[in-house]
Amino acid sequence: MAVEEAQATESLDAGPCPIVDALEQVGSKWRLVVLHDLQDGEKRFNELKRSTDASARTLSRVLDDLREMDFVQKRMEPDSPVATYYSLSPKGESLSPVFREVEAWAGEWLESCAE
């Protein structure tokens, strides 16, 4: 009996860890919104600000976080004024199937978003 209990406890401990770790990386509302928005390709800061409806301060912080975690890349063009572009890194691009699955699930189980 003690062996079965130990195995059950061990499987519970190992179970949610990858999910919890993943959600700690991308689980904030704004991180998910930005990562999803960049699935369509490279965007300038102001484009992201308009399409996500985030404040400049929030978007700046989120982009810095996502760059630090290697989900997003930053590219600067030396035009006048300087143009800053953001795109997904390979790590960020690897989330594409996850977004498709969540969208499919939401389409089946949730009422459509009001636009």
PDB file of N, CA and C in Angstrom:
ATOM      1  N   MET A   1       0.822  -1.203   0.000  1.00  0.00           N
ATOM      2  CA  MET A   1       0.000   0.000   0.000  1.00  0.00           C
ATOM      3  C   MET A   1       0.863   1.264   0.000  1.00  0.00           C
ATOM      4  N   ALA A   2       1.944   1.275   0.778  1.00  0.00           N
ATOM      5  CA  ALA A   2       2.813   2.437   0.860  1.00  0.00           C
ATOM      6  C   ALA A   2       3.472   2.724  -0.484  1.00  0.00           C
ATOM      7  N   VAL A   3       3.806   1.675  -1.249  1.00  0.00           N
ATOM      8  CA  VAL A   3       4.422   1.846  -2.556  1.00  0.00           C
ATOM      9  C   VAL A   3       3.442   2.520  -3.523  1.00  0.00           C
ATOM     10  N   GLU A   4       2.183   2.079  -3.497  1.00  0.00           N
ATOM     11  CA  GLU A   4       1.167   2.675  -4.363  1.00  0.00           C
ATOM     12  C   GLU A   4       0.948   4.145  -4.030  1.00  0.00           C
ATOM     13  N   GLU A   5       0.910   4.475  -2.740  1.00  0.00           N
ATOM     14  CA  GLU A   5       0.740   5.868  -2.328  1.00  0.00           C
ATOM     15  C   GLU A   5       1.925   6.711  -2.765  1.00  0.00           C
ATOM     16  N   ALA A   6       3.122   6.186  -2.639  1.00  0.00           N
ATOM     17  CA  ALA A   6       4.324   6.914  -3.045  1.00  0.00           C
ATOM     18  C   ALA A   6       4.313   7.163  -4.552  1.00  0.00           C
ATOM     19  N   GLN A   7       3.903   6.139  -5.335  1.00  0.00           N
ATOM     20  CA  GLN A   7       3.833   6.302  -6.779  1.00  0.00           C
ATOM     21  C   GLN A   7       2.773   7.331  -7.162  1.00  0.00           C
ATOM     22  N   ALA A   8       1.638   7.307  -6.500  1.00  0.00           N
ATOM     23  CA  ALA A   8       0.579   8.274  -6.780  1.00  0.00           C
ATOM     24  C   ALA A   8       1.039   9.683  -6.465  1.00  0.00           C
ATOM     25  N   THR A   9       1.712   9.870  -5.325  1.00  0.00           N
ATOM     26  CA  THR A   9       2.220  11.188  -4.941  1.00  0.00           C
ATOM     27  C   THR A   9       3.270  11.649  -5.934  1.00  0.00           C
ATOM     28  N   GLU A  10       4.146  10.738  -6.357  1.00  0.00           N
ATOM     29  CA  GLU A  10       5.192  11.077  -7.319  1.00  0.00           C
ATOM     30  C   GLU A  10       4.600  11.531  -8.644  1.00  0.00           C
ATOM     31  N   SER A  11       3.561  10.845  -9.123  1.00  0.00           N
ATOM     32  CA  SER A  11       2.956  11.227 -10.401  1.00  0.00           C
ATOM     33  C   SER A  11       2.226  12.554 -10.285  1.00  0.00           C
ATOM     34  N   LEU A  12       1.647  12.855  -9.138  1.00  0.00           N
ATOM     35  CA  LEU A  12       1.005  14.157  -8.945  1.00  0.00           C
ATOM     36  C   LEU A  12       2.028  15.269  -8.937  1.00  0.00           C
ATOM     37  N   ASP A  13       3.166  15.032  -8.293  1.00  0.00           N
ATOM     38  CA  ASP A  13       4.212  16.044  -8.225  1.00  0.00           C
ATOM     39  C   ASP A  13       4.777  16.352  -9.613  1.00  0.00           C
ATOM     40  N   ALA A  14       4.939  15.339 -10.451  1.00  0.00           N
ATOM     41  CA  ALA A  14       5.525  15.527 -11.774  1.00  0.00           C
ATOM     42  C   ALA A  14       4.500  16.057 -12.780  1.00  0.00           C
ATOM     43  N   GLY A  15       3.216  15.853 -12.521  1.00  0.00           N
ATOM     44  CA  GLY A  15       2.175  16.168 -13.491  1.00  0.00           C
ATOM     45  C   GLY A  15       2.113  17.594 -13.967  1.00  0.00           C
ATOM     46  N   PRO A  16       1.750  18.539 -13.132  1.00  0.00           N
ATOM     47  CA  PRO A  16       1.496  19.889 -13.634  1.00  0.00           C
ATOM     48  C   PRO A  16       2.749  20.744 -13.825  1.00  0.00           C
ATOM     49  N   CYS A  17       3.909  20.268 -13.426  1.00  0.00           N
ATOM     50  CA  CYS A  17       5.111  21.095 -13.456  1.00  0.00           C
ATOM     51  C   CYS A  17       5.385  21.733 -14.822  1.00  0.00           C
ATOM     52  N   PRO A  18       5.376  20.991 -15.925  1.00  0.00           N
ATOM     53  CA  PRO A  18       5.633  21.655 -17.213  1.00  0.00           C
ATOM     54  C   PRO A  18       4.587  22.714 -17.558  1.00  0.00           C
ATOM     55  N   ILE A  19       3.342  22.463 -17.198  1.00  0.00           N
ATOM     56  CA  ILE A  19       2.282  23.442 -17.463  1.00  0.00           C
ATOM     57  C   ILE A  19       2.504  24.700 -16.641  1.00  0.00           C
ATOM     58  N   VAL A  20       2.797  24.534 -15.370  1.00  0.00           N
ATOM     59  CA  VAL A  20       3.030  25.682 -14.492  1.00  0.00           C
ATOM     60  C   VAL A  20       4.237  26.474 -14.970  1.00  0.00           C
ATOM     61  N   ASP A  21       5.314  25.776 -15.301  1.00  0.00           N
ATOM     62  CA  ASP A  21       6.512  26.465 -15.785  1.00  0.00           C
ATOM     63  C   ASP A  21       6.228  27.235 -17.072  1.00  0.00           C
ATOM     64  N   ALA A  22       5.502  26.620 -17.991  1.00  0.00           N
ATOM     65  CA  ALA A  22       5.180  27.276 -19.257  1.00  0.00           C
ATOM     66  C   ALA A  22       4.315  28.508 -19.030  1.00  0.00           C
ATOM     67  N   LEU A  23       3.319  28.382 -18.165  1.00  0.00           N
ATOM     68  CA  LEU A  23       2.440  29.521 -17.910  1.00  0.00           C
ATOM     69  C   LEU A  23       3.158  30.655 -17.201  1.00  0.00           C
ATOM     70  N   GLU A  24       4.165  30.339 -16.409  1.00  0.00           N
ATOM     71  CA  GLU A  24       4.952  31.398 -15.789  1.00  0.00           C
ATOM     72  C   GLU A  24       5.709  32.193 -16.850  1.00  0.00           C
ATOM     73  N   GLN A  25       6.083  31.544 -17.950  1.00  0.00           N
ATOM     74  CA  GLN A  25       6.806  32.220 -19.032  1.00  0.00           C
ATOM     75  C   GLN A  25       5.874  33.084 -19.881  1.00  0.00           C
ATOM     76  N   VAL A  26       4.744  32.537 -20.291  1.00  0.00           N
ATOM     77  CA  VAL A  26       3.891  33.229 -21.267  1.00  0.00           C
ATOM     78  C   VAL A  26       2.500  33.547 -20.748  1.00  0.00           C
ATOM     79  N   GLY A  27       2.234  33.254 -19.484  1.00  0.00           N
ATOM     80  CA  GLY A  27       0.873  33.265 -18.979  1.00  0.00           C
ATOM     81  C   GLY A  27       0.232  34.588 -18.659  1.00  0.00           C
ATOM     82  N   SER A  28       0.954  35.691 -18.714  1.00  0.00           N
ATOM     83  CA  SER A  28       0.271  36.951 -18.430  1.00  0.00           C
ATOM     84  C   SER A  28      -0.577  37.348 -19.642  1.00  0.00           C
ATOM     85  N   LYS A  29      -1.627  38.071 -19.384  1.00  0.00           N
ATOM     86  CA  LYS A  29      -2.531  38.493 -20.462  1.00  0.00           C
ATOM     87  C   LYS A  29      -1.774  39.213 -21.563  1.00  0.00           C
ATOM     88  N   TRP A  30      -0.957  40.179 -21.206  1.00  0.00           N
ATOM     89  CA  TRP A  30      -0.294  40.996 -22.216  1.00  0.00           C
ATOM     90  C   TRP A  30       0.766  40.221 -22.969  1.00  0.00           C
ATOM     91  N   ARG A  31       1.480  39.316 -22.303  1.00  0.00           N
ATOM     92  CA  ARG A  31       2.458  38.500 -23.022  1.00  0.00           C
ATOM     93  C   ARG A  31       1.771  37.660 -24.084  1.00  0.00           C
ATOM     94  N   LEU A  32       0.660  37.043 -23.715  1.00  0.00           N
ATOM     95  CA  LEU A  32      -0.076  36.216 -24.672  1.00  0.00           C
ATOM     96  C   LEU A  32      -0.607  37.048 -25.829  1.00  0.00           C
ATOM     97  N   VAL A  33      -1.129  38.224 -25.535  1.00  0.00           N
ATOM     98  CA  VAL A  33      -1.675  39.092 -26.580  1.00  0.00           C
ATOM     99  C   VAL A  33      -0.572  39.485 -27.567  1.00  0.00           C
ATOM    100  N   VAL A  34       0.581  39.873 -27.057  1.00  0.00           N
ATOM    101  CA  VAL A  34       1.688  40.292 -27.925  1.00  0.00           C
ATOM    102  C   VAL A  34       2.211  39.107 -28.727  1.00  0.00           C
ATOM    103  N   LEU A  35       2.413  37.966 -28.072  1.00  0.00           N
ATOM    104  CA  LEU A  35       2.891  36.784 -28.792  1.00  0.00           C
ATOM    105  C   LEU A  35       1.914  36.375 -29.887  1.00  0.00           C
ATOM    106  N   HIS A  36       0.636  36.433 -29.590  1.00  0.00           N
ATOM    107  CA  HIS A  36      -0.370  36.086 -30.590  1.00  0.00           C
ATOM    108  C   HIS A  36      -0.347  37.089 -31.736  1.00  0.00           C
ATOM    109  N   ASP A  37      -0.251  38.362 -31.419  1.00  0.00           N
ATOM    110  CA  ASP A  37      -0.255  39.397 -32.440  1.00  0.00           C
ATOM    111  C   ASP A  37       0.952  39.278 -33.367  1.00  0.00           C
ATOM    112  N   LEU A  38       2.090  38.889 -32.830  1.00  0.00           N
ATOM    113  CA  LEU A  38       3.299  38.750 -33.647  1.00  0.00           C
ATOM    114  C   LEU A  38       3.309  37.473 -34.479  1.00  0.00           C
ATOM    115  N   GLN A  39       2.314  36.597 -34.288  1.00  0.00           N
ATOM    116  CA  GLN A  39       2.213  35.402 -35.124  1.00  0.00           C
ATOM    117  C   GLN A  39       2.017  35.793 -36.589  1.00  0.00           C
ATOM    118  N   ASP A  40       1.471  36.992 -36.834  1.00  0.00           N
ATOM    119  CA  ASP A  40       1.226  37.471 -38.199  1.00  0.00           C
ATOM    120  C   ASP A  40       2.462  38.065 -38.844  1.00  0.00           C
ATOM    121  N   GLY A  41       3.550  38.202 -38.097  1.00  0.00           N
ATOM    122  CA  GLY A  41       4.783  38.742 -38.662  1.00  0.00           C
ATOM    123  C   GLY A  41       5.288  39.965 -37.916  1.00  0.00           C
ATOM    124  N   GLU A  42       6.392  40.475 -38.404  1.00  0.00           N
ATOM    125  CA  GLU A  42       7.093  41.598 -37.788  1.00  0.00           C
ATOM    126  C   GLU A  42       6.212  42.852 -37.743  1.00  0.00           C
ATOM    127  N   LYS A  43       6.298  43.569 -36.610  1.00  0.00           N
ATOM    128  CA  LYS A  43       5.519  44.802 -36.454  1.00  0.00           C
ATOM    129  C   LYS A  43       6.345  45.855 -35.739  1.00  0.00           C
ATOM    130  N   ARG A  44       6.025  47.106 -36.049  1.00  0.00           N
ATOM    131  CA  ARG A  44       6.644  48.223 -35.336  1.00  0.00           C
ATOM    132  C   ARG A  44       5.945  48.396 -33.991  1.00  0.00           C
ATOM    133  N   PHE A  45       6.599  49.101 -33.086  1.00  0.00           N
ATOM    134  CA  PHE A  45       6.067  49.307 -31.743  1.00  0.00           C
ATOM    135  C   PHE A  45       4.665  49.906 -31.795  1.00  0.00           C
ATOM    136  N   ASN A  46       4.484  50.976 -32.585  1.00  0.00           N
ATOM    137  CA  ASN A  46       3.173  51.632 -32.639  1.00  0.00           C
ATOM    138  C   ASN A  46       2.103  50.744 -33.259  1.00  0.00           C
ATOM    139  N   GLU A  47       2.486  49.880 -34.190  1.00  0.00           N
ATOM    140  CA  GLU A  47       1.525  48.923 -34.748  1.00  0.00           C
ATOM    141  C   GLU A  47       1.045  47.967 -33.652  1.00  0.00           C
ATOM    142  N   LEU A  48       2.003  47.480 -32.857  1.00  0.00           N
ATOM    143  CA  LEU A  48       1.643  46.586 -31.750  1.00  0.00           C
ATOM    144  C   LEU A  48       0.779  47.314 -30.722  1.00  0.00           C
ATOM    145  N   LYS A  49       1.109  48.566 -30.470  1.00  0.00           N
ATOM    146  CA  LYS A  49       0.340  49.352 -29.495  1.00  0.00           C
ATOM    147  C   LYS A  49      -1.111  49.481 -29.946  1.00  0.00           C
ATOM    148  N   ARG A  50      -1.315  49.773 -31.227  1.00  0.00           N
ATOM    149  CA  ARG A  50      -2.682  49.902 -31.761  1.00  0.00           C
ATOM    150  C   ARG A  50      -3.412  48.557 -31.772  1.00  0.00           C
ATOM    151  N   SER A  51      -2.735  47.516 -32.243  1.00  0.00           N
ATOM    152  CA  SER A  51      -3.421  46.228 -32.416  1.00  0.00           C
ATOM    153  C   SER A  51      -3.679  45.506 -31.097  1.00  0.00           C
ATOM    154  N   THR A  52      -2.861  45.774 -30.080  1.00  0.00           N
ATOM    155  CA  THR A  52      -3.067  45.102 -28.794  1.00  0.00           C
ATOM    156  C   THR A  52      -3.872  45.948 -27.823  1.00  0.00           C
ATOM    157  N   ASP A  53      -3.933  47.246 -28.058  1.00  0.00           N
ATOM    158  CA  ASP A  53      -4.613  48.194 -27.178  1.00  0.00           C
ATOM    159  C   ASP A  53      -3.921  48.320 -25.818  1.00  0.00           C
ATOM    160  N   ALA A  54      -2.635  47.977 -25.772  1.00  0.00           N
ATOM    161  CA  ALA A  54      -1.853  48.117 -24.538  1.00  0.00           C
ATOM    162  C   ALA A  54      -1.328  49.549 -24.445  1.00  0.00           C
ATOM    163  N   SER A  55      -1.108  50.012 -23.239  1.00  0.00           N
ATOM    164  CA  SER A  55      -0.479  51.320 -23.066  1.00  0.00           C
ATOM    165  C   SER A  55       0.991  51.193 -23.482  1.00  0.00           C
ATOM    166  N   ALA A  56       1.607  52.308 -23.805  1.00  0.00           N
ATOM    167  CA  ALA A  56       3.011  52.300 -24.220  1.00  0.00           C
ATOM    168  C   ALA A  56       3.898  51.711 -23.126  1.00  0.00           C
ATOM    169  N   ARG A  57       3.623  52.068 -21.891  1.00  0.00           N
ATOM    170  CA  ARG A  57       4.431  51.573 -20.771  1.00  0.00           C
ATOM    171  C   ARG A  57       4.291  50.059 -20.614  1.00  0.00           C
ATOM    172  N   THR A  58       3.065  49.570 -20.665  1.00  0.00           N
ATOM    173  CA  THR A  58       2.824  48.133 -20.539  1.00  0.00           C
ATOM    174  C   THR A  58       3.468  47.389 -21.694  1.00  0.00           C
ATOM    175  N   LEU A  59       3.270  47.863 -22.911  1.00  0.00           N
ATOM    176  CA  LEU A  59       3.824  47.191 -24.080  1.00  0.00           C
ATOM    177  C   LEU A  59       5.343  47.163 -24.032  1.00  0.00           C
ATOM    178  N   SER A  60       5.947  48.259 -23.645  1.00  0.00           N
ATOM    179  CA  SER A  60       7.404  48.328 -23.533  1.00  0.00           C
ATOM    180  C   SER A  60       7.923  47.298 -22.530  1.00  0.00           C
ATOM    181  N   ARG A  61       7.271  47.222 -21.381  1.00  0.00           N
ATOM    182  CA  ARG A  61       7.667  46.264 -20.346  1.00  0.00           C
ATOM    183  C   ARG A  61       7.514  44.830 -20.830  1.00  0.00           C
ATOM    184  N   VAL A  62       6.387  44.543 -21.474  1.00  0.00           N
ATOM    185  CA  VAL A  62       6.119  43.190 -21.965  1.00  0.00           C
ATOM    186  C   VAL A  62       7.129  42.801 -23.043  1.00  0.00           C
ATOM    187  N   LEU A  63       7.408  43.710 -23.965  1.00  0.00           N
ATOM    188  CA  LEU A  63       8.382  43.414 -25.009  1.00  0.00           C
ATOM    189  C   LEU A  63       9.773  43.166 -24.423  1.00  0.00           C
ATOM    190  N   ASP A  64      10.144  43.960 -23.428  1.00  0.00           N
ATOM    191  CA  ASP A  64      11.431  43.734 -22.764  1.00  0.00           C
ATOM    192  C   ASP A  64      11.470  42.353 -22.114  1.00  0.00           C
ATOM    193  N   ASP A  65      10.393  41.981 -21.421  1.00  0.00           N
ATOM    194  CA  ASP A  65      10.311  40.657 -20.787  1.00  0.00           C
ATOM    195  C   ASP A  65      10.419  39.545 -21.821  1.00  0.00           C
ATOM    196  N   LEU A  66       9.668  39.677 -22.909  1.00  0.00           N
ATOM    197  CA  LEU A  66       9.665  38.640 -23.943  1.00  0.00           C
ATOM    198  C   LEU A  66      11.014  38.550 -24.654  1.00  0.00           C
ATOM    199  N   ARG A  67      11.693  39.663 -24.811  1.00  0.00           N
ATOM    200  CA  ARG A  67      13.039  39.633 -25.393  1.00  0.00           C
ATOM    201  C   ARG A  67      14.012  38.960 -24.437  1.00  0.00           C
ATOM    202  N   GLU A  68      13.895  39.285 -23.155  1.00  0.00           N
ATOM    203  CA  GLU A  68      14.780  38.684 -22.152  1.00  0.00           C
ATOM    204  C   GLU A  68      14.623  37.166 -22.095  1.00  0.00           C
ATOM    205  N   MET A  69      13.401  36.683 -22.315  1.00  0.00           N
ATOM    206  CA  MET A  69      13.128  35.243 -22.280  1.00  0.00           C
ATOM    207  C   MET A  69      13.310  34.592 -23.654  1.00  0.00           C
ATOM    208  N   ASP A  70      13.749  35.377 -24.636  1.00  0.00           N
ATOM    209  CA  ASP A  70      14.041  34.903 -25.991  1.00  0.00           C
ATOM    210  C   ASP A  70      12.814  34.444 -26.765  1.00  0.00           C
ATOM    211  N   PHE A  71      11.668  35.083 -26.547  1.00  0.00           N
ATOM    212  CA  PHE A  71      10.473  34.825 -27.347  1.00  0.00           C
ATOM    213  C   PHE A  71      10.360  35.820 -28.506  1.00  0.00           C
ATOM    214  N   VAL A  72      10.958  36.998 -28.329  1.00  0.00           N
ATOM    215  CA  VAL A  72      10.819  38.097 -29.292  1.00  0.00           C
ATOM    216  C   VAL A  72      12.193  38.665 -29.619  1.00  0.00           C
ATOM    217  N   GLN A  73      12.332  39.087 -30.876  1.00  0.00           N
ATOM    218  CA  GLN A  73      13.554  39.740 -31.332  1.00  0.00           C
ATOM    219  C   GLN A  73      13.242  41.192 -31.688  1.00  0.00           C
ATOM    220  N   LYS A  74      14.243  42.041 -31.526  1.00  0.00           N
ATOM    221  CA  LYS A  74      14.095  43.465 -31.829  1.00  0.00           C
ATOM    222  C   LYS A  74      15.076  43.818 -32.952  1.00  0.00           C
ATOM    223  N   ARG A  75      14.576  44.571 -33.923  1.00  0.00           N
ATOM    224  CA  ARG A  75      15.412  45.024 -35.033  1.00  0.00           C
ATOM    225  C   ARG A  75      15.210  46.523 -35.187  1.00  0.00           C
ATOM    226  N   MET A  76      16.319  47.235 -35.331  1.00  0.00           N
ATOM    227  CA  MET A  76      16.230  48.687 -35.476  1.00  0.00           C
ATOM    228  C   MET A  76      16.758  49.097 -36.849  1.00  0.00           C
ATOM    229  N   GLU A  77      16.007  49.966 -37.513  1.00  0.00           N
ATOM    230  CA  GLU A  77      16.420  50.543 -38.791  1.00  0.00           C
ATOM    231  C   GLU A  77      16.926  51.948 -38.497  1.00  0.00           C
ATOM    232  N   PRO A  78      18.084  52.294 -39.015  1.00  0.00           N
ATOM    233  CA  PRO A  78      18.675  53.609 -38.693  1.00  0.00           C
ATOM    234  C   PRO A  78      18.077  54.771 -39.472  1.00  0.00           C
ATOM    235  N   ASP A  79      16.820  54.663 -39.835  1.00  0.00           N
ATOM    236  CA  ASP A  79      16.148  55.782 -40.505  1.00  0.00           C
ATOM    237  C   ASP A  79      16.015  56.939 -39.528  1.00  0.00           C
ATOM    238  N   SER A  80      15.575  58.050 -40.029  1.00  0.00           N
ATOM    239  CA  SER A  80      15.308  59.178 -39.154  1.00  0.00           C
ATOM    240  C   SER A  80      13.818  59.450 -39.180  1.00  0.00           C
ATOM    241  N   PRO A  81      13.054  59.261 -38.137  1.00  0.00           N
ATOM    242  CA  PRO A  81      13.462  58.729 -36.835  1.00  0.00           C
ATOM    243  C   PRO A  81      13.702  57.219 -36.908  1.00  0.00           C
ATOM    244  N   VAL A  82      14.413  56.722 -35.926  1.00  0.00           N
ATOM    245  CA  VAL A  82      14.759  55.307 -35.875  1.00  0.00           C
ATOM    246  C   VAL A  82      13.486  54.463 -35.821  1.00  0.00           C
ATOM    247  N   ALA A  83      13.425  53.453 -36.667  1.00  0.00           N
ATOM    248  CA  ALA A  83      12.275  52.549 -36.693  1.00  0.00           C
ATOM    249  C   ALA A  83      12.651  51.266 -35.954  1.00  0.00           C
ATOM    250  N   THR A  84      11.807  50.868 -35.005  1.00  0.00           N
ATOM    251  CA  THR A  84      12.046  49.660 -34.225  1.00  0.00           C
ATOM    252  C   THR A  84      10.999  48.628 -34.585  1.00  0.00           C
ATOM    253  N   TYR A  85      11.464  47.430 -34.927  1.00  0.00           N
ATOM    254  CA  TYR A  85      10.590  46.332 -35.332  1.00  0.00           C
ATOM    255  C   TYR A  85      10.732  45.175 -34.364  1.00  0.00           C
ATOM    256  N   TYR A  86       9.638  44.485 -34.132  1.00  0.00           N
ATOM    257  CA  TYR A  86       9.631  43.313 -33.264  1.00  0.00           C
ATOM    258  C   TYR A  86       9.094  42.123 -34.043  1.00  0.00           C
ATOM    259  N   SER A  87       9.694  40.970 -33.800  1.00  0.00           N
ATOM    260  CA  SER A  87       9.250  39.735 -34.440  1.00  0.00           C
ATOM    261  C   SER A  87       9.486  38.581 -33.472  1.00  0.00           C
ATOM    262  N   LEU A  88       8.890  37.455 -33.792  1.00  0.00           N
ATOM    263  CA  LEU A  88       9.068  36.273 -32.965  1.00  0.00           C
ATOM    264  C   LEU A  88      10.421  35.634 -33.238  1.00  0.00           C
ATOM    265  N   SER A  89      11.043  35.157 -32.192  1.00  0.00           N
ATOM    266  CA  SER A  89      12.246  34.340 -32.327  1.00  0.00           C
ATOM    267  C   SER A  89      11.781  32.921 -32.672  1.00  0.00           C
ATOM    268  N   PRO A  90      12.697  32.028 -32.977  1.00  0.00           N
ATOM    269  CA  PRO A  90      12.274  30.637 -33.184  1.00  0.00           C
ATOM    270  C   PRO A  90      11.505  30.071 -31.985  1.00  0.00           C
ATOM    271  N   LYS A  91      11.907  30.454 -30.784  1.00  0.00           N
ATOM    272  CA  LYS A  91      11.193  30.000 -29.582  1.00  0.00           C
ATOM    273  C   LYS A  91       9.758  30.533 -29.586  1.00  0.00           C
ATOM    274  N   GLY A  92       9.583  31.797 -29.944  1.00  0.00           N
ATOM    275  CA  GLY A  92       8.245  32.381 -30.024  1.00  0.00           C
ATOM    276  C   GLY A  92       7.416  31.763 -31.135  1.00  0.00           C
ATOM    277  N   GLU A  93       8.054  31.501 -32.283  1.00  0.00           N
ATOM    278  CA  GLU A  93       7.354  30.874 -33.402  1.00  0.00           C
ATOM    279  C   GLU A  93       6.876  29.473 -33.057  1.00  0.00           C
ATOM    280  N   SER A  94       7.600  28.815 -32.156  1.00  0.00           N
ATOM    281  CA  SER A  94       7.223  27.443 -31.786  1.00  0.00           C
ATOM    282  C   SER A  94       5.890  27.395 -31.044  1.00  0.00           C
ATOM    283  N   LEU A  95       5.370  28.539 -30.616  1.00  0.00           N
ATOM    284  CA  LEU A  95       4.070  28.591 -29.945  1.00  0.00           C
ATOM    285  C   LEU A  95       2.901  28.615 -30.925  1.00  0.00           C
ATOM    286  N   SER A  96       3.172  28.744 -32.209  1.00  0.00           N
ATOM    287  CA  SER A  96       2.111  28.833 -33.202  1.00  0.00           C
ATOM    288  C   SER A  96       1.102  27.684 -33.119  1.00  0.00           C
ATOM    289  N   PRO A  97       1.538  26.426 -33.017  1.00  0.00           N
ATOM    290  CA  PRO A  97       0.548  25.342 -32.905  1.00  0.00           C
ATOM    291  C   PRO A  97      -0.286  25.441 -31.626  1.00  0.00           C
ATOM    292  N   VAL A  98       0.302  25.971 -30.576  1.00  0.00           N
ATOM    293  CA  VAL A  98      -0.424  26.127 -29.313  1.00  0.00           C
ATOM    294  C   VAL A  98      -1.555  27.132 -29.498  1.00  0.00           C
ATOM    295  N   PHE A  99      -1.261  28.261 -30.140  1.00  0.00           N
ATOM    296  CA  PHE A  99      -2.296  29.261 -30.388  1.00  0.00           C
ATOM    297  C   PHE A  99      -3.396  28.698 -31.276  1.00  0.00           C
ATOM    298  N   ARG A 100      -3.031  27.926 -32.308  1.00  0.00           N
ATOM    299  CA  ARG A 100      -4.053  27.325 -33.173  1.00  0.00           C
ATOM    300  C   ARG A 100      -4.957  26.383 -32.383  1.00  0.00           C
ATOM    301  N   GLU A 101      -4.386  25.589 -31.499  1.00  0.00           N
ATOM    302  CA  GLU A 101      -5.176  24.655 -30.684  1.00  0.00           C
ATOM    303  C   GLU A 101      -6.094  25.403 -29.721  1.00  0.00           C
ATOM    304  N   VAL A 102      -5.586  26.447 -29.087  1.00  0.00           N
ATOM    305  CA  VAL A 102      -6.412  27.237 -28.165  1.00  0.00           C
ATOM    306  C   VAL A 102      -7.543  27.918 -28.923  1.00  0.00           C
ATOM    307  N   GLU A 103      -7.249  28.452 -30.112  1.00  0.00           N
ATOM    308  CA  GLU A 103      -8.293  29.080 -30.927  1.00  0.00           C
ATOM    309  C   GLU A 103      -9.361  28.065 -31.330  1.00  0.00           C
ATOM    310  N   ALA A 104      -8.937  26.855 -31.699  1.00  0.00           N
ATOM    311  CA  ALA A 104      -9.900  25.809 -32.070  1.00  0.00           C
ATOM    312  C   ALA A 104     -10.758  25.432 -30.870  1.00  0.00           C
ATOM    313  N   TRP A 105     -10.133  25.293 -29.715  1.00  0.00           N
ATOM    314  CA  TRP A 105     -10.871  24.968 -28.491  1.00  0.00           C
ATOM    315  C   TRP A 105     -11.873  26.076 -28.168  1.00  0.00           C
ATOM    316  N   ALA A 106     -11.411  27.328 -28.238  1.00  0.00           N
ATOM    317  CA  ALA A 106     -12.295  28.460 -27.931  1.00  0.00           C
ATOM    318  C   ALA A 106     -13.452  28.521 -28.915  1.00  0.00           C
ATOM    319  N   GLY A 107     -13.193  28.227 -30.176  1.00  0.00           N
ATOM    320  CA  GLY A 107     -14.249  28.236 -31.175  1.00  0.00           C
ATOM    321  C   GLY A 107     -15.330  27.204 -30.879  1.00  0.00           C
ATOM    322  N   GLU A 108     -14.922  26.118 -30.286  1.00  0.00           N
ATOM    323  CA  GLU A 108     -15.881  25.051 -29.967  1.00  0.00           C
ATOM    324  C   GLU A 108     -16.600  25.286 -28.639  1.00  0.00           C
ATOM    325  N   TRP A 109     -15.911  25.818 -27.659  1.00  0.00           N
ATOM    326  CA  TRP A 109     -16.456  25.846 -26.297  1.00  0.00           C
ATOM    327  C   TRP A 109     -16.815  27.222 -25.750  1.00  0.00           C
ATOM    328  N   LEU A 110     -16.372  28.274 -26.377  1.00  0.00           N
ATOM    329  CA  LEU A 110     -16.652  29.616 -25.856  1.00  0.00           C
ATOM    330  C   LEU A 110     -17.501  30.401 -26.838  1.00  0.00           C
ATOM    331  N   GLU A 111     -18.245  31.343 -26.313  1.00  0.00           N
ATOM    332  CA  GLU A 111     -19.006  32.233 -27.185  1.00  0.00           C
ATOM    333  C   GLU A 111     -18.012  33.125 -27.908  1.00  0.00           C
ATOM    334  N   SER A 112     -18.335  33.547 -29.110  1.00  0.00           N
ATOM    335  CA  SER A 112     -17.405  34.349 -29.896  1.00  0.00           C
ATOM    336  C   SER A 112     -17.135  35.683 -29.208  1.00  0.00           C
ATOM    337  N   CYS A 113     -15.966  36.209 -29.477  1.00  0.00           N
ATOM    338  CA  CYS A 113     -15.558  37.497 -28.900  1.00  0.00           C
ATOM    339  C   CYS A 113     -16.385  38.611 -29.516  1.00  0.00           C
ATOM    340  N   ALA A 114     -16.713  39.570 -28.689  1.00  0.00           N
ATOM    341  CA  ALA A 114     -17.409  40.759 -29.200  1.00  0.00           C
ATOM    342  C   ALA A 114     -16.361  41.691 -29.783  1.00  0.00           C
ATOM    343  N   GLU A 115     -16.587  42.137 -30.991  1.00  0.00           N
ATOM    344  CA  GLU A 115     -15.600  43.036 -31.618  1.00  0.00           C
ATOM    345  C   GLU A 115     -16.188  44.390 -31.840  1.00  0.00           C
TER     346      GLU A 115
END
